[in-house]
Amino acid sequence: MTVELNITGMSCGHCEKAVKSALKSVSGVENAEVNLSAGTATVEGNADVQALIAAVTEEGYGASLRN
């Protein structure tokens, strides 16, 4: 399963790495890629979408499911 998220609040490479690390820490995530310039994240695996959003939010960034 692939989930695409909109990420807000990222302004630098450190932000990008923090979001990627947060996403990878969620149970069921096989891979996570974050695109700073596009403000998006693509997550592969069997993770709960709400858990992914919560992990990003806990790091201080905004996240929502891409439509």
Protein backbone atom coordinates (compact mmCIF):
# COMPACT_ATOMS: atom_id res chain seq x y z
CA MET A 1 0.00 0.00 0.00
CA THR A 2 1.25 3.48 -0.84
CA VAL A 3 0.08 6.55 1.08
CA GLU A 4 0.73 10.12 -0.07
CA LEU A 5 0.74 12.92 2.47
CA ASN A 6 0.92 16.70 2.26
CA ILE A 7 3.47 17.97 4.78
CA THR A 8 3.52 21.58 6.02
CA GLY A 9 6.06 23.47 8.08
CA MET A 10 9.25 22.09 6.51
CA SER A 11 11.84 24.73 5.64
CA CYS A 12 15.19 22.90 5.37
CA GLY A 13 16.95 19.59 4.95
CA HIS A 14 16.86 18.95 8.68
CA CYS A 15 13.06 19.25 8.61
CA GLU A 16 12.92 16.78 5.72
CA LYS A 17 15.07 14.26 7.63
CA ALA A 18 13.02 14.69 10.82
CA VAL A 19 9.76 13.97 8.98
CA LYS A 20 11.28 10.96 7.18
CA SER A 21 12.58 9.56 10.47
CA ALA A 22 9.20 10.08 12.16
CA LEU A 23 7.40 8.28 9.34
CA LYS A 24 9.87 5.38 9.34
CA SER A 25 9.34 4.92 13.08
CA VAL A 26 5.66 4.03 12.56
CA SER A 27 4.87 0.32 12.72
CA GLY A 28 4.25 -1.17 9.27
CA VAL A 29 6.26 1.38 7.29
CA GLU A 30 8.56 -0.30 4.76
CA ASN A 31 9.87 2.88 3.13
CA ALA A 32 9.30 6.62 3.37
CA GLU A 33 10.40 9.39 1.02
CA VAL A 34 9.95 13.09 1.78
CA ASN A 35 10.15 15.87 -0.80
CA LEU A 36 10.95 19.22 0.83
CA SER A 37 10.30 21.38 -2.24
CA ALA A 38 6.96 19.72 -3.03
CA GLY A 39 5.88 19.46 0.61
CA THR A 40 4.94 15.82 0.22
CA ALA A 41 5.74 12.40 1.63
CA THR A 42 5.23 8.99 0.06
CA VAL A 43 5.00 6.05 2.44
CA GLU A 44 5.01 2.39 1.47
CA GLY A 45 3.85 -0.41 3.72
CA ASN A 46 0.90 -1.34 5.92
CA ALA A 47 0.90 1.59 8.34
CA ASP A 48 -2.24 3.23 9.70
CA VAL A 49 -2.74 6.64 8.06
CA GLN A 50 -3.71 8.29 11.35
CA ALA A 51 -0.53 6.92 12.97
CA LEU A 52 1.54 8.45 10.16
CA ILE A 53 -0.14 11.83 10.57
CA ALA A 54 0.30 11.65 14.36
CA ALA A 55 4.02 10.87 14.01
CA VAL A 56 4.58 13.91 11.79
CA THR A 57 2.48 16.14 14.06
CA GLU A 58 4.49 15.05 17.11
CA GLU A 59 7.62 16.31 15.33
CA GLY A 60 6.00 19.74 14.98
CA TYR A 61 4.91 19.61 11.34
CA GLY A 62 1.51 19.40 9.70
CA ALA A 63 0.33 16.38 7.74
CA SER A 64 -2.79 15.48 5.80
CA LEU A 65 -3.76 12.79 3.33
CA ARG A 66 -3.30 13.86 -0.30
CA ASN A 67 -6.44 13.67 -2.39
